[in-house]
Amino acid sequence: MLRPPDQSVTAGQTTVVDIAIPDDSQTIVCAAETRDKQKQGLVLRKILLPNRSQRQQDFATLPMLLGYARVSKADDQDTAAQVSALKAAGCTRVYEETASGGRWDRPELHRLLDHLRDGDALIVWKLDRLSRSLKDLLHILEKIDAAGATFRSLTEAVDTTGPAGRMMMQMLGSFAEFERAMVRERTRAGLRAARERGRKGGRRPKLLAHQKTEILGMLAAGRSGADVARLFRVHRATISRIASAARGTPPDAKSNP
């Protein structure tokens, strides 16, 4: 029970002063400095008061609108347009990331999913910004639902607060995965056609066929591999591989061309 604010109690060499506190205040600890200079400490006295008011609790647990913006590493873009659209939609915080939509190990996405609380909403500018894999998309939707949050896509007008919105998101996710598979198939077909025309992937060879023939002739004439490498501006290991291929021996075999 509290005394009036002007009263105090003296116990030995320690003075404890009670202060009148409103009913809706939080638990407060009062400290009075001891008069004993040898102790050099504080005497703590705990005053138990009611918990914070319901209004303060409600304010601390207000639902949040969290945005997620992503661009691929291969795209020469930034997330500025997405961030502007998400903030215009009311997002209080936007998680930005530069990573492929087909990858699951995206740090900012997982940080966002861990931050979701009951009543929050995850908002993206477009559905494929969240994921290009239907399997990952459904897994993300399950994590959002387990957290008690919802999902919204601004471009496709998808809202998972109802069953129709969840069904529409799964359908759009299927189309996104189909588009990704088609891009992958077209890429493979182009590489296959290039190989049939004699073109190979990767960087161009440093030495042409006639240069390799010239190198073999110089080695047969007694020139050292180091001199030939300096002449053609390549590493000595390249000269060794050419000589080994001409002799039909493995490149790592010990030789001194």
C-alpha atoms as a PDB file:
ATOM      1  CA  MET A   1       0.000   0.000   0.000  1.00  0.00           C
ATOM      2  CA  LEU A   2       1.447   3.400  -1.020  1.00  0.00           C
ATOM      3  CA  ARG A   3       1.866   6.388   1.298  1.00  0.00           C
ATOM      4  CA  PRO A   4       1.337   9.997   0.199  1.00  0.00           C
ATOM      5  CA  PRO A   5       4.128  11.316  -2.039  1.00  0.00           C
ATOM      6  CA  ASP A   6       5.595  13.589   0.647  1.00  0.00           C
ATOM      7  CA  GLN A   7       6.213  10.867   3.220  1.00  0.00           C
ATOM      8  CA  SER A   8       9.443   8.895   3.619  1.00  0.00           C
ATOM      9  CA  VAL A   9      10.745   6.108   5.826  1.00  0.00           C
ATOM     10  CA  THR A  10      14.184   6.007   7.403  1.00  0.00           C
ATOM     11  CA  ALA A  11      15.578   2.517   8.043  1.00  0.00           C
ATOM     12  CA  GLY A  12      19.022   2.606   9.609  1.00  0.00           C
ATOM     13  CA  GLN A  13      21.253   4.547   7.242  1.00  0.00           C
ATOM     14  CA  THR A  14      19.008   4.075   4.185  1.00  0.00           C
ATOM     15  CA  THR A  15      16.194   6.392   3.130  1.00  0.00           C
ATOM     16  CA  VAL A  16      13.459   5.096   0.840  1.00  0.00           C
ATOM     17  CA  VAL A  17      11.063   7.611  -0.711  1.00  0.00           C
ATOM     18  CA  ASP A  18       7.672   6.522  -2.072  1.00  0.00           C
ATOM     19  CA  ILE A  19       6.256   8.343  -5.101  1.00  0.00           C
ATOM     20  CA  ALA A  20       2.577   8.404  -6.039  1.00  0.00           C
ATOM     21  CA  ILE A  21       2.104   6.606  -9.406  1.00  0.00           C
ATOM     22  CA  PRO A  22      -1.036   6.646 -11.638  1.00  0.00           C
ATOM     23  CA  ASP A  23      -3.053   3.425 -11.828  1.00  0.00           C
ATOM     24  CA  ASP A  24      -2.261   2.698 -15.508  1.00  0.00           C
ATOM     25  CA  SER A  25       1.531   2.956 -15.135  1.00  0.00           C
ATOM     26  CA  GLN A  26       3.947   0.099 -15.531  1.00  0.00           C
ATOM     27  CA  THR A  27       5.918  -1.632 -12.756  1.00  0.00           C
ATOM     28  CA  ILE A  28       8.560   0.765 -11.408  1.00  0.00           C
ATOM     29  CA  VAL A  29      11.643   0.168  -9.273  1.00  0.00           C
ATOM     30  CA  CYS A  30      12.664   2.987  -6.901  1.00  0.00           C
ATOM     31  CA  ALA A  31      16.226   3.316  -5.646  1.00  0.00           C
ATOM     32  CA  ALA A  32      17.585   5.398  -2.800  1.00  0.00           C
ATOM     33  CA  GLU A  33      21.324   5.869  -2.328  1.00  0.00           C
ATOM     34  CA  THR A  34      22.679   4.630   0.977  1.00  0.00           C
ATOM     35  CA  ARG A  35      24.494   6.973   3.323  1.00  0.00           C
ATOM     36  CA  ASP A  36      27.169   4.391   4.006  1.00  0.00           C
ATOM     37  CA  LYS A  37      30.060   5.479   1.773  1.00  0.00           C
ATOM     38  CA  GLN A  38      31.821   2.136   2.162  1.00  0.00           C
ATOM     39  CA  LYS A  39      29.006   0.175   0.462  1.00  0.00           C
ATOM     40  CA  GLN A  40      28.745   2.528  -2.541  1.00  0.00           C
ATOM     41  CA  GLY A  41      25.565   0.745  -3.689  1.00  0.00           C
ATOM     42  CA  LEU A  42      21.852   1.231  -4.195  1.00  0.00           C
ATOM     43  CA  VAL A  43      19.032  -0.155  -2.083  1.00  0.00           C
ATOM     44  CA  LEU A  44      16.299  -1.327  -4.491  1.00  0.00           C
ATOM     45  CA  ARG A  45      12.674  -1.374  -3.567  1.00  0.00           C
ATOM     46  CA  LYS A  46      10.097  -2.795  -5.997  1.00  0.00           C
ATOM     47  CA  ILE A  47       6.642  -1.255  -6.168  1.00  0.00           C
ATOM     48  CA  LEU A  48       4.110  -3.600  -7.746  1.00  0.00           C
ATOM     49  CA  LEU A  49       1.552  -1.777  -9.860  1.00  0.00           C
ATOM     50  CA  PRO A  50      -1.085  -2.965 -12.349  1.00  0.00           C
ATOM     51  CA  ASN A  51       0.072  -4.001 -15.820  1.00  0.00           C
ATOM     52  CA  ARG A  52       0.047  -1.591 -18.718  1.00  0.00           C
ATOM     53  CA  SER A  53      -3.360  -0.539 -19.915  1.00  0.00           C
ATOM     54  CA  GLN A  54      -5.292  -2.456 -22.579  1.00  0.00           C
ATOM     55  CA  ARG A  55      -4.892   0.499 -24.947  1.00  0.00           C
ATOM     56  CA  GLN A  56      -1.094   0.170 -24.735  1.00  0.00           C
ATOM     57  CA  GLN A  57      -1.317  -3.585 -25.400  1.00  0.00           C
ATOM     58  CA  ASP A  58      -3.544  -3.047 -28.427  1.00  0.00           C
ATOM     59  CA  PHE A  59      -1.169  -0.445 -29.834  1.00  0.00           C
ATOM     60  CA  ALA A  60       1.808  -2.791 -29.435  1.00  0.00           C
ATOM     61  CA  THR A  61       0.069  -5.606 -31.359  1.00  0.00           C
ATOM     62  CA  LEU A  62      -1.398  -3.658 -34.270  1.00  0.00           C
ATOM     63  CA  PRO A  63      -1.293  -5.587 -37.589  1.00  0.00           C
ATOM     64  CA  MET A  64       1.450  -4.512 -39.982  1.00  0.00           C
ATOM     65  CA  LEU A  65       1.621  -4.378 -43.778  1.00  0.00           C
ATOM     66  CA  LEU A  66       4.996  -5.813 -44.832  1.00  0.00           C
ATOM     67  CA  GLY A  67       6.211  -5.582 -48.425  1.00  0.00           C
ATOM     68  CA  TYR A  68       8.653  -7.739 -50.365  1.00  0.00           C
ATOM     69  CA  ALA A  69      10.489  -6.444 -53.459  1.00  0.00           C
ATOM     70  CA  ARG A  70      12.798  -8.646 -55.550  1.00  0.00           C
ATOM     71  CA  VAL A  71      14.751  -8.427 -58.808  1.00  0.00           C
ATOM     72  CA  SER A  72      16.876 -11.142 -60.403  1.00  0.00           C
ATOM     73  CA  LYS A  73      20.643 -10.845 -60.525  1.00  0.00           C
ATOM     74  CA  ALA A  74      20.559 -11.226 -64.303  1.00  0.00           C
ATOM     75  CA  ASP A  75      18.149  -8.286 -64.660  1.00  0.00           C
ATOM     76  CA  ASP A  76      19.688  -4.834 -64.981  1.00  0.00           C
ATOM     77  CA  GLN A  77      16.986  -3.382 -62.722  1.00  0.00           C
ATOM     78  CA  ASP A  78      16.402  -2.108 -59.230  1.00  0.00           C
ATOM     79  CA  THR A  79      13.555  -2.352 -56.753  1.00  0.00           C
ATOM     80  CA  ALA A  80      12.672   1.364 -56.773  1.00  0.00           C
ATOM     81  CA  ALA A  81       9.413   0.964 -58.718  1.00  0.00           C
ATOM     82  CA  GLN A  82       8.285  -1.950 -56.559  1.00  0.00           C
ATOM     83  CA  VAL A  83       9.136  -0.144 -53.339  1.00  0.00           C
ATOM     84  CA  SER A  84       7.153   2.926 -54.438  1.00  0.00           C
ATOM     85  CA  ALA A  85       4.087   0.811 -55.232  1.00  0.00           C
ATOM     86  CA  LEU A  86       4.328  -1.086 -51.946  1.00  0.00           C
ATOM     87  CA  LYS A  87       4.662   2.073 -49.870  1.00  0.00           C
ATOM     88  CA  ALA A  88       1.718   3.575 -51.724  1.00  0.00           C
ATOM     89  CA  ALA A  89      -0.273   0.483 -50.688  1.00  0.00           C
ATOM     90  CA  GLY A  90       0.474   1.259 -47.043  1.00  0.00           C
ATOM     91  CA  CYS A  91       3.459  -0.970 -46.279  1.00  0.00           C
ATOM     92  CA  THR A  92       5.266   0.157 -43.151  1.00  0.00           C
ATOM     93  CA  ARG A  93       8.385  -1.827 -44.030  1.00  0.00           C
ATOM     94  CA  VAL A  94       9.689  -3.224 -47.331  1.00  0.00           C
ATOM     95  CA  TYR A  95      12.209  -6.076 -47.575  1.00  0.00           C
ATOM     96  CA  GLU A  96      14.364  -5.716 -50.698  1.00  0.00           C
ATOM     97  CA  GLU A  97      16.357  -8.527 -52.301  1.00  0.00           C
ATOM     98  CA  THR A  98      18.398  -9.277 -55.419  1.00  0.00           C
ATOM     99  CA  ALA A  99      18.105 -13.007 -56.123  1.00  0.00           C
ATOM    100  CA  SER A 100      16.557 -15.485 -58.524  1.00  0.00           C
ATOM    101  CA  GLY A 101      12.888 -16.240 -57.991  1.00  0.00           C
ATOM    102  CA  GLY A 102      13.541 -19.956 -58.408  1.00  0.00           C
ATOM    103  CA  ARG A 103      15.829 -20.115 -55.360  1.00  0.00           C
ATOM    104  CA  TRP A 104      14.510 -20.936 -51.910  1.00  0.00           C
ATOM    105  CA  ASP A 105      17.542 -19.729 -49.937  1.00  0.00           C
ATOM    106  CA  ARG A 106      16.749 -16.007 -49.964  1.00  0.00           C
ATOM    107  CA  PRO A 107      17.750 -14.340 -46.670  1.00  0.00           C
ATOM    108  CA  GLU A 108      15.403 -11.345 -46.852  1.00  0.00           C
ATOM    109  CA  LEU A 109      12.408 -13.553 -47.691  1.00  0.00           C
ATOM    110  CA  HIS A 110      13.057 -15.818 -44.712  1.00  0.00           C
ATOM    111  CA  ARG A 111      13.606 -12.799 -42.469  1.00  0.00           C
ATOM    112  CA  LEU A 112      10.226 -11.463 -43.582  1.00  0.00           C
ATOM    113  CA  LEU A 113       8.476 -14.795 -42.983  1.00  0.00           C
ATOM    114  CA  ASP A 114       9.972 -15.001 -39.480  1.00  0.00           C
ATOM    115  CA  HIS A 115       8.745 -11.470 -38.736  1.00  0.00           C
ATOM    116  CA  LEU A 116       5.095 -12.198 -39.614  1.00  0.00           C
ATOM    117  CA  ARG A 117       2.625 -12.084 -36.735  1.00  0.00           C
ATOM    118  CA  ASP A 118      -1.087 -12.713 -36.355  1.00  0.00           C
ATOM    119  CA  GLY A 119      -3.069 -10.213 -38.420  1.00  0.00           C
ATOM    120  CA  ASP A 120      -0.116  -9.036 -40.556  1.00  0.00           C
ATOM    121  CA  ALA A 121      -0.246  -8.933 -44.348  1.00  0.00           C
ATOM    122  CA  LEU A 122       2.564  -9.768 -46.790  1.00  0.00           C
ATOM    123  CA  ILE A 123       2.265  -7.652 -49.937  1.00  0.00           C
ATOM    124  CA  VAL A 124       4.148  -7.973 -53.238  1.00  0.00           C
ATOM    125  CA  TRP A 125       3.964  -5.923 -56.406  1.00  0.00           C
ATOM    126  CA  LYS A 126       3.584  -9.002 -58.616  1.00  0.00           C
ATOM    127  CA  LEU A 127       3.178 -12.683 -57.838  1.00  0.00           C
ATOM    128  CA  ASP A 128       6.379 -13.805 -59.572  1.00  0.00           C
ATOM    129  CA  ARG A 129       8.336 -11.420 -57.318  1.00  0.00           C
ATOM    130  CA  LEU A 130       7.567 -13.792 -54.448  1.00  0.00           C
ATOM    131  CA  SER A 131       8.532 -17.021 -56.242  1.00  0.00           C
ATOM    132  CA  ARG A 132       8.630 -18.612 -59.689  1.00  0.00           C
ATOM    133  CA  SER A 133       8.245 -22.136 -58.319  1.00  0.00           C
ATOM    134  CA  LEU A 134       4.762 -23.449 -57.534  1.00  0.00           C
ATOM    135  CA  LYS A 135       6.179 -25.754 -54.864  1.00  0.00           C
ATOM    136  CA  ASP A 136       7.943 -22.876 -53.090  1.00  0.00           C
ATOM    137  CA  LEU A 137       4.917 -20.628 -53.538  1.00  0.00           C
ATOM    138  CA  LEU A 138       2.613 -23.115 -51.822  1.00  0.00           C
ATOM    139  CA  HIS A 139       5.161 -23.597 -49.041  1.00  0.00           C
ATOM    140  CA  ILE A 140       5.376 -19.830 -48.506  1.00  0.00           C
ATOM    141  CA  LEU A 141       1.569 -19.647 -48.422  1.00  0.00           C
ATOM    142  CA  GLU A 142       1.498 -22.339 -45.730  1.00  0.00           C
ATOM    143  CA  LYS A 143       4.017 -20.409 -43.601  1.00  0.00           C
ATOM    144  CA  ILE A 144       1.991 -17.209 -43.998  1.00  0.00           C
ATOM    145  CA  ASP A 145      -1.205 -19.016 -42.996  1.00  0.00           C
ATOM    146  CA  ALA A 146       0.530 -20.689 -40.014  1.00  0.00           C
ATOM    147  CA  ALA A 147       1.602 -17.255 -38.758  1.00  0.00           C
ATOM    148  CA  GLY A 148      -2.002 -16.029 -38.930  1.00  0.00           C
ATOM    149  CA  ALA A 149      -1.138 -13.523 -41.668  1.00  0.00           C
ATOM    150  CA  THR A 150      -2.527 -12.929 -45.155  1.00  0.00           C
ATOM    151  CA  PHE A 151      -1.046 -12.364 -48.616  1.00  0.00           C
ATOM    152  CA  ARG A 152      -1.799  -9.752 -51.251  1.00  0.00           C
ATOM    153  CA  SER A 153      -0.513  -9.173 -54.779  1.00  0.00           C
ATOM    154  CA  LEU A 154      -1.064  -5.681 -56.168  1.00  0.00           C
ATOM    155  CA  THR A 155      -0.861  -6.442 -59.894  1.00  0.00           C
ATOM    156  CA  GLU A 156      -3.016  -9.590 -59.944  1.00  0.00           C
ATOM    157  CA  ALA A 157      -5.373  -8.269 -57.203  1.00  0.00           C
ATOM    158  CA  VAL A 158      -4.958 -11.484 -55.203  1.00  0.00           C
ATOM    159  CA  ASP A 159      -6.047 -11.481 -51.571  1.00  0.00           C
ATOM    160  CA  THR A 160      -5.842 -14.695 -49.536  1.00  0.00           C
ATOM    161  CA  THR A 161      -8.275 -13.597 -46.864  1.00  0.00           C
ATOM    162  CA  GLY A 162     -10.853 -15.800 -48.612  1.00  0.00           C
ATOM    163  CA  PRO A 163     -10.828 -19.212 -50.357  1.00  0.00           C
ATOM    164  CA  ALA A 164     -11.288 -17.609 -53.792  1.00  0.00           C
ATOM    165  CA  GLY A 165      -8.105 -15.586 -53.331  1.00  0.00           C
ATOM    166  CA  ARG A 166      -6.130 -18.672 -52.293  1.00  0.00           C
ATOM    167  CA  MET A 167      -7.388 -20.593 -55.326  1.00  0.00           C
ATOM    168  CA  MET A 168      -6.512 -17.718 -57.670  1.00  0.00           C
ATOM    169  CA  MET A 169      -2.995 -17.480 -56.233  1.00  0.00           C
ATOM    170  CA  GLN A 170      -2.393 -21.191 -56.820  1.00  0.00           C
ATOM    171  CA  MET A 171      -3.595 -20.854 -60.420  1.00  0.00           C
ATOM    172  CA  LEU A 172      -1.348 -17.855 -61.065  1.00  0.00           C
ATOM    173  CA  GLY A 173       1.548 -19.694 -59.449  1.00  0.00           C
ATOM    174  CA  SER A 174       0.992 -22.576 -61.883  1.00  0.00           C
ATOM    175  CA  PHE A 175       1.218 -20.174 -64.815  1.00  0.00           C
ATOM    176  CA  ALA A 176       4.406 -18.630 -63.413  1.00  0.00           C
ATOM    177  CA  GLU A 177       6.008 -22.077 -63.083  1.00  0.00           C
ATOM    178  CA  PHE A 178       4.871 -22.988 -66.615  1.00  0.00           C
ATOM    179  CA  GLU A 179       6.452 -19.818 -68.002  1.00  0.00           C
ATOM    180  CA  ARG A 180       9.718 -20.577 -66.216  1.00  0.00           C
ATOM    181  CA  ALA A 181       9.732 -24.127 -67.628  1.00  0.00           C
ATOM    182  CA  MET A 182       9.123 -22.780 -71.149  1.00  0.00           C
ATOM    183  CA  VAL A 183      12.031 -20.348 -70.834  1.00  0.00           C
ATOM    184  CA  ARG A 184      14.285 -23.175 -69.679  1.00  0.00           C
ATOM    185  CA  GLU A 185      13.185 -25.388 -72.586  1.00  0.00           C
ATOM    186  CA  ARG A 186      13.771 -22.618 -75.142  1.00  0.00           C
ATOM    187  CA  THR A 187      17.258 -22.040 -73.732  1.00  0.00           C
ATOM    188  CA  ARG A 188      18.123 -25.709 -74.016  1.00  0.00           C
ATOM    189  CA  ALA A 189      16.786 -25.852 -77.574  1.00  0.00           C
ATOM    190  CA  GLY A 190      18.920 -22.860 -78.554  1.00  0.00           C
ATOM    191  CA  LEU A 191      22.070 -24.434 -77.089  1.00  0.00           C
ATOM    192  CA  ARG A 192      21.312 -27.704 -78.872  1.00  0.00           C
ATOM    193  CA  ALA A 193      20.882 -25.930 -82.207  1.00  0.00           C
ATOM    194  CA  ALA A 194      24.135 -24.019 -81.664  1.00  0.00           C
ATOM    195  CA  ARG A 195      26.037 -27.250 -81.010  1.00  0.00           C
ATOM    196  CA  GLU A 196      24.655 -28.758 -84.201  1.00  0.00           C
ATOM    197  CA  ARG A 197      26.041 -25.762 -86.104  1.00  0.00           C
ATOM    198  CA  GLY A 198      29.465 -26.385 -84.588  1.00  0.00           C
ATOM    199  CA  ARG A 199      29.332 -23.731 -81.918  1.00  0.00           C
ATOM    200  CA  LYS A 200      30.194 -24.639 -78.353  1.00  0.00           C
ATOM    201  CA  GLY A 201      29.280 -22.901 -75.154  1.00  0.00           C
ATOM    202  CA  GLY A 202      31.757 -21.125 -72.948  1.00  0.00           C
ATOM    203  CA  ARG A 203      34.487 -18.655 -73.764  1.00  0.00           C
ATOM    204  CA  ARG A 204      36.342 -18.689 -77.062  1.00  0.00           C
ATOM    205  CA  PRO A 205      39.612 -20.676 -77.227  1.00  0.00           C
ATOM    206  CA  LYS A 206      42.781 -18.647 -76.861  1.00  0.00           C
ATOM    207  CA  LEU A 207      44.581 -20.558 -79.615  1.00  0.00           C
ATOM    208  CA  LEU A 208      43.226 -21.462 -83.056  1.00  0.00           C
ATOM    209  CA  ALA A 209      43.993 -24.687 -84.894  1.00  0.00           C
ATOM    210  CA  HIS A 210      46.837 -23.238 -86.989  1.00  0.00           C
ATOM    211  CA  GLN A 211      48.392 -21.708 -83.881  1.00  0.00           C
ATOM    212  CA  LYS A 212      48.394 -25.107 -82.158  1.00  0.00           C
ATOM    213  CA  THR A 213      50.098 -26.607 -85.224  1.00  0.00           C
ATOM    214  CA  GLU A 214      52.719 -23.868 -85.094  1.00  0.00           C
ATOM    215  CA  ILE A 215      53.301 -24.508 -81.383  1.00  0.00           C
ATOM    216  CA  LEU A 216      53.866 -28.227 -82.005  1.00  0.00           C
ATOM    217  CA  GLY A 217      56.362 -27.372 -84.737  1.00  0.00           C
ATOM    218  CA  MET A 218      58.285 -25.041 -82.452  1.00  0.00           C
ATOM    219  CA  LEU A 219      58.391 -27.659 -79.685  1.00  0.00           C
ATOM    220  CA  ALA A 220      59.650 -30.262 -82.161  1.00  0.00           C
ATOM    221  CA  ALA A 221      62.376 -27.819 -83.233  1.00  0.00           C
ATOM    222  CA  GLY A 222      63.685 -27.709 -79.675  1.00  0.00           C
ATOM    223  CA  ARG A 223      62.080 -24.548 -78.303  1.00  0.00           C
ATOM    224  CA  SER A 224      61.180 -24.747 -74.619  1.00  0.00           C
ATOM    225  CA  GLY A 225      57.597 -24.646 -73.418  1.00  0.00           C
ATOM    226  CA  ALA A 226      58.237 -21.462 -71.437  1.00  0.00           C
ATOM    227  CA  ASP A 227      59.536 -19.613 -74.526  1.00  0.00           C
ATOM    228  CA  VAL A 228      56.557 -20.720 -76.603  1.00  0.00           C
ATOM    229  CA  ALA A 229      54.139 -19.706 -73.824  1.00  0.00           C
ATOM    230  CA  ARG A 230      55.657 -16.209 -73.663  1.00  0.00           C
ATOM    231  CA  LEU A 231      55.520 -15.918 -77.434  1.00  0.00           C
ATOM    232  CA  PHE A 232      51.809 -16.750 -77.652  1.00  0.00           C
ATOM    233  CA  ARG A 233      50.968 -15.011 -74.349  1.00  0.00           C
ATOM    234  CA  VAL A 234      49.468 -18.062 -72.680  1.00  0.00           C
ATOM    235  CA  HIS A 235      50.290 -20.053 -69.586  1.00  0.00           C
ATOM    236  CA  ARG A 236      52.882 -22.779 -69.799  1.00  0.00           C
ATOM    237  CA  ALA A 237      50.228 -25.314 -68.740  1.00  0.00           C
ATOM    238  CA  THR A 238      48.355 -24.530 -71.966  1.00  0.00           C
ATOM    239  CA  ILE A 239      51.434 -25.459 -74.022  1.00  0.00           C
ATOM    240  CA  SER A 240      51.823 -28.660 -71.993  1.00  0.00           C
ATOM    241  CA  ARG A 241      48.199 -29.636 -72.652  1.00  0.00           C
ATOM    242  CA  ILE A 242      48.636 -29.094 -76.406  1.00  0.00           C
ATOM    243  CA  ALA A 243      51.781 -31.224 -76.452  1.00  0.00           C
ATOM    244  CA  SER A 244      50.152 -33.955 -74.359  1.00  0.00           C
ATOM    245  CA  ALA A 245      47.095 -34.041 -76.608  1.00  0.00           C
ATOM    246  CA  ALA A 246      49.340 -34.429 -79.677  1.00  0.00           C
ATOM    247  CA  ARG A 247      51.214 -37.324 -78.065  1.00  0.00           C
ATOM    248  CA  GLY A 248      48.005 -38.926 -76.800  1.00  0.00           C
ATOM    249  CA  THR A 249      49.085 -38.782 -73.145  1.00  0.00           C
ATOM    250  CA  PRO A 250      47.108 -37.326 -70.248  1.00  0.00           C
ATOM    251  CA  PRO A 251      47.755 -33.619 -69.612  1.00  0.00           C
ATOM    252  CA  ASP A 252      48.856 -34.309 -66.027  1.00  0.00           C
ATOM    253  CA  ALA A 253      51.544 -36.782 -67.105  1.00  0.00           C
ATOM    254  CA  LYS A 254      55.064 -35.647 -66.245  1.00  0.00           C
ATOM    255  CA  SER A 255      56.726 -34.286 -69.347  1.00  0.00           C
ATOM    256  CA  ASN A 256      59.189 -31.587 -70.289  1.00  0.00           C
ATOM    257  CA  PRO A 257      58.344 -30.367 -73.768  1.00  0.00           C
END
